[in-house]
Amino acid sequence: MTASLLWKRIWKHKIFYLFMVPGIVWFFLFSYVPLYGIQIAFRDFMYSGGFSGSPWAGLKYFRQFFDYYQSYELIRNTILISMLKLLIGFSMPIILAILLNEVRNLKFKKTVQTLSYLPYFVSWIVVVTLMQRLLTPYGGPINDLLASFGMERIQFLYNTTWFYQIIVGSDIWKNIGWNSIIYIAAIAGIDQQLYEAAKIDGAGRFRQIWHVTLPGIRNIAVILFILSVGSLMSAGYEQLLLLNGPSTASIGSVLDVHVINSGITQGRISYAAAVGLFQSVIALILILTVNRLSRKYSEVSLF
């Protein structure tokens, strides 16, 4: 395609491109302009010198992180928690979207959608406070229910036995509704004639889901999975900060919390930038790798 033809097509659809401008500006200001600050990961950052006036330190802070006695533990915990969230939580919005699509009562459907969206807009501080009230062994309704059946009360929070279940479960509950929106939109875009053809062929609801709905949202699911892989080095700062304690530190300490504590609490700006850059580079490598594999085996990719 020649440059002149490309510009003609852009001008023809200028209204649609105009809608892209706010997103492009946002990404430029908040995703690309801050890249200038990456250099502090390679400098002995001083407030008096700023980004460009601080002396170079090379790979000093990267070596400090890998020499840190807990670095392996932080990386392991981050990847493990992120993998659990991805493997268990990724399919949940798809299931919810399919179930909602099968509901014929519009009032009930809208009610469930609204209730599933609401947790996404609630702060993790509120969510954890609610969990503490519900799960406490000292008068919490969950433990009161267990006690009424003659079972022992359980300390769910800050307990290594229940830690991963609490982390993954609360993350799914908070995000499942919001993440299902794009799948609901994708299902709505499937040609209804395909369902009619499936019915004529004698397919029930389950077979319609298997042979029409799932193939119809496959490409969207693959693209979102590729993007989700990039978060394997980020387990979630707020959630882990609030739900992790001294008793679960060995399995709950993650890179996100370590970076914030190092940079803000301890004032080690260059060290925190180095660890954050390490996370970003690994995330980029993961996305590129999974994208290449997806393009090779499923012909669906980001680019």
Protein backbone atom coordinates (compact mmCIF):
# COMPACT_ATOMS: atom_id res chain seq x y z
CA MET A 1 0.00 0.00 0.00
CA THR A 2 1.42 3.34 -1.06
CA ALA A 3 1.68 6.26 1.33
CA SER A 4 -0.89 8.31 -0.63
CA LEU A 5 -3.42 5.47 -0.56
CA LEU A 6 -2.85 5.01 3.16
CA TRP A 7 -3.50 8.70 3.87
CA LYS A 8 -6.63 8.61 1.71
CA ARG A 9 -7.98 5.73 3.77
CA ILE A 10 -7.12 7.51 7.01
CA TRP A 11 -8.85 10.68 5.81
CA LYS A 12 -11.90 8.67 4.74
CA HIS A 13 -12.24 7.21 8.24
CA LYS A 14 -10.99 10.32 10.04
CA ILE A 15 -13.81 10.28 12.61
CA PHE A 16 -12.75 6.83 13.84
CA TYR A 17 -9.11 7.86 14.04
CA LEU A 18 -10.18 10.96 15.95
CA PHE A 19 -11.57 8.72 18.68
CA MET A 20 -8.10 7.18 19.00
CA VAL A 21 -6.43 10.51 19.78
CA PRO A 22 -7.22 10.62 23.56
CA GLY A 23 -5.87 7.08 24.00
CA ILE A 24 -2.73 7.86 22.03
CA VAL A 25 -2.12 11.04 24.04
CA TRP A 26 -2.68 9.17 27.31
CA PHE A 27 -0.22 6.42 26.37
CA PHE A 28 2.33 8.94 25.19
CA LEU A 29 2.19 11.01 28.39
CA PHE A 30 1.98 8.20 30.91
CA SER A 31 3.74 5.29 29.19
CA TYR A 32 6.38 6.75 26.86
CA VAL A 33 7.43 10.06 28.42
CA PRO A 34 8.26 8.34 31.77
CA LEU A 35 10.70 6.08 29.91
CA TYR A 36 13.15 8.96 30.21
CA GLY A 37 13.42 8.12 33.91
CA ILE A 38 14.66 4.57 33.25
CA GLN A 39 18.21 5.92 33.34
CA ILE A 40 18.10 6.30 37.14
CA ALA A 41 18.35 2.50 37.36
CA PHE A 42 21.90 2.98 36.03
CA ARG A 43 22.76 6.07 38.12
CA ASP A 44 23.41 6.89 41.77
CA PHE A 45 20.31 9.03 41.88
CA MET A 46 20.55 12.28 43.83
CA TYR A 47 17.72 14.79 44.10
CA SER A 48 20.17 17.65 43.62
CA GLY A 49 21.42 16.20 40.33
CA GLY A 50 18.13 14.93 38.97
CA PHE A 51 17.83 12.32 36.25
CA SER A 52 20.67 13.49 34.05
CA GLY A 53 22.93 15.06 36.67
CA SER A 54 23.42 12.02 38.93
CA PRO A 55 26.64 9.99 38.45
CA TRP A 56 26.53 6.76 36.47
CA ALA A 57 26.54 3.52 38.49
CA GLY A 58 26.34 0.97 35.68
CA LEU A 59 24.80 -2.35 36.74
CA LYS A 60 25.51 -1.75 40.43
CA TYR A 61 21.89 -1.91 41.58
CA PHE A 62 21.04 -4.92 39.45
CA ARG A 63 23.91 -6.79 41.11
CA GLN A 64 22.69 -5.62 44.51
CA PHE A 65 19.27 -7.13 43.85
CA PHE A 66 20.58 -10.49 42.66
CA ASP A 67 23.01 -10.59 45.60
CA TYR A 68 20.14 -9.87 48.01
CA TYR A 69 19.46 -12.98 50.07
CA GLN A 70 15.70 -12.85 49.39
CA SER A 71 15.85 -12.14 45.64
CA TYR A 72 15.15 -15.75 44.64
CA GLU A 73 12.28 -15.93 47.11
CA LEU A 74 10.76 -12.69 45.80
CA ILE A 75 10.95 -13.83 42.17
CA ARG A 76 9.60 -17.29 43.00
CA ASN A 77 6.66 -15.95 45.01
CA THR A 78 5.80 -13.37 42.37
CA ILE A 79 5.77 -15.90 39.52
CA LEU A 80 3.89 -18.54 41.55
CA ILE A 81 1.11 -16.19 42.67
CA SER A 82 0.81 -14.65 39.20
CA MET A 83 0.67 -18.12 37.60
CA LEU A 84 -2.10 -19.21 39.96
CA LYS A 85 -4.09 -16.05 39.19
CA LEU A 86 -3.58 -16.57 35.46
CA LEU A 87 -4.30 -20.30 35.28
CA ILE A 88 -7.32 -20.22 37.59
CA GLY A 89 -8.63 -16.72 37.04
CA PHE A 90 -8.25 -16.35 33.28
CA SER A 91 -11.08 -18.73 32.41
CA MET A 92 -13.52 -17.39 35.02
CA PRO A 93 -14.60 -14.25 33.06
CA ILE A 94 -15.14 -16.44 29.98
CA ILE A 95 -17.36 -18.80 31.95
CA LEU A 96 -19.31 -15.89 33.46
CA ALA A 97 -19.79 -14.28 30.05
CA ILE A 98 -21.07 -17.55 28.55
CA LEU A 99 -23.43 -18.14 31.47
CA LEU A 100 -24.81 -14.61 31.24
CA ASN A 101 -25.29 -15.04 27.50
CA GLU A 102 -27.44 -18.11 28.16
CA VAL A 103 -29.70 -16.26 30.62
CA ARG A 104 -33.01 -15.31 29.02
CA ASN A 105 -34.42 -13.25 31.90
CA LEU A 106 -33.06 -9.77 31.10
CA LYS A 107 -33.80 -8.33 34.56
CA PHE A 108 -31.93 -11.15 36.30
CA LYS A 109 -29.10 -10.91 33.75
CA LYS A 110 -28.61 -7.16 34.29
CA THR A 111 -28.71 -7.61 38.06
CA VAL A 112 -26.01 -10.26 37.99
CA GLN A 113 -23.89 -8.16 35.63
CA THR A 114 -24.15 -5.11 37.88
CA LEU A 115 -23.31 -7.07 41.03
CA SER A 116 -20.33 -8.71 39.33
CA TYR A 117 -18.98 -5.34 38.10
CA LEU A 118 -19.21 -3.51 41.43
CA PRO A 119 -16.25 -5.17 43.26
CA TYR A 120 -13.86 -3.89 40.57
CA PHE A 121 -14.52 -0.31 41.66
CA VAL A 122 -14.01 -1.07 45.36
CA SER A 123 -10.57 -0.35 46.83
CA TRP A 124 -8.49 -3.28 48.02
CA ILE A 125 -8.45 -1.65 51.46
CA VAL A 126 -12.25 -1.97 51.63
CA VAL A 127 -12.14 -5.52 50.24
CA VAL A 128 -9.55 -6.69 52.78
CA THR A 129 -11.42 -5.00 55.63
CA LEU A 130 -14.58 -6.83 54.55
CA MET A 131 -12.66 -10.11 54.39
CA GLN A 132 -11.28 -9.54 57.87
CA ARG A 133 -14.80 -9.05 59.23
CA LEU A 134 -16.15 -12.12 57.45
CA LEU A 135 -13.26 -14.50 58.07
CA THR A 136 -12.11 -13.61 61.57
CA PRO A 137 -12.34 -16.55 64.02
CA TYR A 138 -13.56 -14.14 66.70
CA GLY A 139 -17.20 -13.62 65.80
CA GLY A 140 -16.92 -13.74 62.00
CA PRO A 141 -20.01 -15.19 60.23
CA ILE A 142 -17.99 -17.80 58.31
CA ASN A 143 -16.43 -19.24 61.45
CA ASP A 144 -19.71 -18.96 63.33
CA LEU A 145 -21.27 -21.09 60.61
CA LEU A 146 -18.46 -23.65 60.89
CA ALA A 147 -18.87 -23.73 64.67
CA SER A 148 -22.61 -24.31 64.33
CA PHE A 149 -21.78 -27.54 62.44
CA GLY A 150 -19.41 -28.61 65.19
CA MET A 151 -16.26 -27.76 63.23
CA GLU A 152 -13.22 -25.92 64.56
CA ARG A 153 -12.79 -22.24 63.87
CA ILE A 154 -10.16 -21.45 61.23
CA GLN A 155 -7.74 -18.54 61.00
CA PHE A 156 -8.12 -17.97 57.25
CA LEU A 157 -6.12 -14.75 56.95
CA TYR A 158 -2.34 -14.69 57.47
CA ASN A 159 -2.31 -18.48 57.43
CA THR A 160 0.08 -20.29 55.10
CA THR A 161 -2.46 -23.10 54.59
CA TRP A 162 -5.12 -20.76 53.22
CA PHE A 163 -2.92 -17.98 51.82
CA TYR A 164 -3.02 -18.87 48.12
CA GLN A 165 -6.75 -19.65 48.22
CA ILE A 166 -7.48 -16.25 49.77
CA ILE A 167 -5.23 -14.38 47.32
CA VAL A 168 -6.56 -16.05 44.17
CA GLY A 169 -10.18 -16.17 45.35
CA SER A 170 -10.33 -12.49 46.29
CA ASP A 171 -8.63 -11.47 43.03
CA ILE A 172 -11.17 -13.45 40.97
CA TRP A 173 -14.11 -12.04 42.96
CA LYS A 174 -12.89 -8.48 42.47
CA ASN A 175 -12.11 -8.66 38.75
CA ILE A 176 -14.30 -11.36 37.19
CA GLY A 177 -17.19 -9.05 36.32
CA TRP A 178 -15.07 -6.32 34.78
CA ASN A 179 -12.93 -8.77 32.80
CA SER A 180 -16.04 -10.47 31.42
CA ILE A 181 -17.21 -7.30 29.64
CA ILE A 182 -15.02 -7.80 26.58
CA TYR A 183 -16.13 -11.45 26.25
CA ILE A 184 -19.79 -10.44 26.53
CA ALA A 185 -19.18 -7.93 23.73
CA ALA A 186 -17.41 -10.57 21.64
CA ILE A 187 -20.28 -13.04 22.11
CA ALA A 188 -22.78 -10.35 21.12
CA GLY A 189 -20.86 -9.92 17.86
CA ILE A 190 -21.21 -13.58 16.83
CA ASP A 191 -23.49 -14.06 13.83
CA GLN A 192 -26.84 -15.36 15.14
CA GLN A 193 -27.29 -17.38 11.97
CA LEU A 194 -24.57 -19.71 13.22
CA TYR A 195 -26.71 -20.54 16.25
CA GLU A 196 -29.75 -21.06 14.04
CA ALA A 197 -27.77 -23.41 11.81
CA ALA A 198 -26.55 -25.32 14.87
CA LYS A 199 -30.14 -25.67 16.13
CA ILE A 200 -31.25 -27.01 12.75
CA ASP A 201 -28.45 -29.58 12.95
CA GLY A 202 -29.84 -30.69 16.32
CA ALA A 203 -27.25 -29.06 18.56
CA GLY A 204 -28.34 -28.37 22.13
CA ARG A 205 -27.17 -25.43 24.22
CA PHE A 206 -23.94 -27.12 25.32
CA ARG A 207 -22.99 -28.03 21.74
CA GLN A 208 -23.86 -24.51 20.59
CA ILE A 209 -21.49 -23.14 23.24
CA TRP A 210 -18.76 -25.60 22.27
CA HIS A 211 -19.02 -25.28 18.49
CA VAL A 212 -20.21 -21.67 18.05
CA THR A 213 -19.62 -19.50 21.13
CA LEU A 214 -16.13 -20.66 22.07
CA PRO A 215 -14.74 -20.53 18.50
CA GLY A 216 -16.35 -17.09 18.15
CA ILE A 217 -14.41 -15.66 21.10
CA ARG A 218 -11.23 -17.70 20.61
CA ASN A 219 -9.21 -14.94 18.97
CA ILE A 220 -10.14 -12.42 21.67
CA ALA A 221 -9.26 -14.93 24.40
CA VAL A 222 -5.86 -15.65 22.83
CA ILE A 223 -4.98 -11.95 22.56
CA LEU A 224 -6.02 -11.29 26.17
CA PHE A 225 -4.03 -14.32 27.30
CA ILE A 226 -0.92 -12.99 25.57
CA LEU A 227 -1.37 -9.66 27.33
CA SER A 228 -2.01 -11.40 30.66
CA VAL A 229 1.27 -13.31 30.40
CA GLY A 230 3.05 -9.97 30.68
CA SER A 231 1.75 -9.63 34.25
CA LEU A 232 3.53 -12.76 35.48
CA MET A 233 6.22 -10.58 37.07
CA SER A 234 3.61 -8.44 38.83
CA ALA A 235 1.51 -10.19 41.45
CA GLY A 236 -0.39 -7.10 42.62
CA TYR A 237 0.93 -4.48 45.04
CA GLU A 238 -2.10 -3.44 47.11
CA GLN A 239 -3.51 -6.91 47.58
CA LEU A 240 -0.24 -8.50 48.68
CA LEU A 241 0.69 -5.57 50.89
CA LEU A 242 -2.58 -5.90 52.81
CA LEU A 243 -3.00 -9.68 52.87
CA ASN A 244 0.61 -10.62 53.57
CA GLY A 245 1.91 -10.71 57.13
CA PRO A 246 4.93 -11.96 59.11
CA SER A 247 3.53 -15.50 59.27
CA THR A 248 3.11 -15.67 55.47
CA ALA A 249 6.15 -13.61 54.47
CA SER A 250 8.02 -16.66 53.17
CA ILE A 251 5.35 -17.30 50.52
CA GLY A 252 3.77 -13.85 50.21
CA SER A 253 6.69 -11.44 49.72
CA VAL A 254 6.65 -10.29 46.09
CA LEU A 255 8.59 -7.93 43.83
CA ASP A 256 5.84 -5.29 43.69
CA VAL A 257 5.88 -4.68 47.44
CA HIS A 258 9.68 -4.92 47.54
CA VAL A 259 10.00 -2.19 44.89
CA ILE A 260 7.62 0.20 46.66
CA ASN A 261 9.20 -0.39 50.06
CA SER A 262 12.71 0.09 48.66
CA GLY A 263 11.88 3.22 46.69
CA ILE A 264 9.47 5.06 48.98
CA THR A 265 10.01 3.71 52.49
CA GLN A 266 13.79 3.29 52.32
CA GLY A 267 14.51 6.01 49.74
CA ARG A 268 16.57 3.69 47.50
CA ILE A 269 15.28 5.19 44.27
CA SER A 270 17.91 3.78 41.91
CA TYR A 271 17.66 0.29 43.41
CA ALA A 272 13.85 0.30 43.13
CA ALA A 273 14.09 1.52 39.52
CA ALA A 274 16.52 -1.29 38.71
CA VAL A 275 14.21 -3.97 40.14
CA GLY A 276 11.22 -2.42 38.37
CA LEU A 277 13.12 -2.36 35.08
CA PHE A 278 14.05 -6.02 35.57
CA GLN A 279 10.33 -6.82 35.97
CA SER A 280 9.44 -4.88 32.82
CA VAL A 281 12.14 -6.49 30.67
CA ILE A 282 11.10 -10.00 31.70
CA ALA A 283 7.44 -9.12 31.06
CA LEU A 284 8.33 -7.86 27.57
CA ILE A 285 10.30 -11.03 26.80
CA LEU A 286 7.37 -13.18 27.96
CA ILE A 287 4.86 -11.27 25.81
CA LEU A 288 7.09 -11.45 22.71
CA THR A 289 7.73 -15.17 23.24
CA VAL A 290 4.08 -16.12 23.78
CA ASN A 291 3.01 -13.87 20.91
CA ARG A 292 5.45 -15.61 18.57
CA LEU A 293 4.28 -19.06 19.68
CA SER A 294 0.65 -18.02 19.25
CA ARG A 295 1.29 -16.69 15.75
CA LYS A 296 3.06 -19.91 14.83
CA TYR A 297 0.51 -22.39 16.16
CA SER A 298 -2.82 -20.55 16.12
CA GLU A 299 -2.22 -17.73 13.59
CA VAL A 300 -3.56 -15.26 16.17
CA SER A 301 -1.18 -12.63 17.57
CA LEU A 302 -0.84 -9.05 18.66
CA PHE A 303 1.32 -8.20 15.65
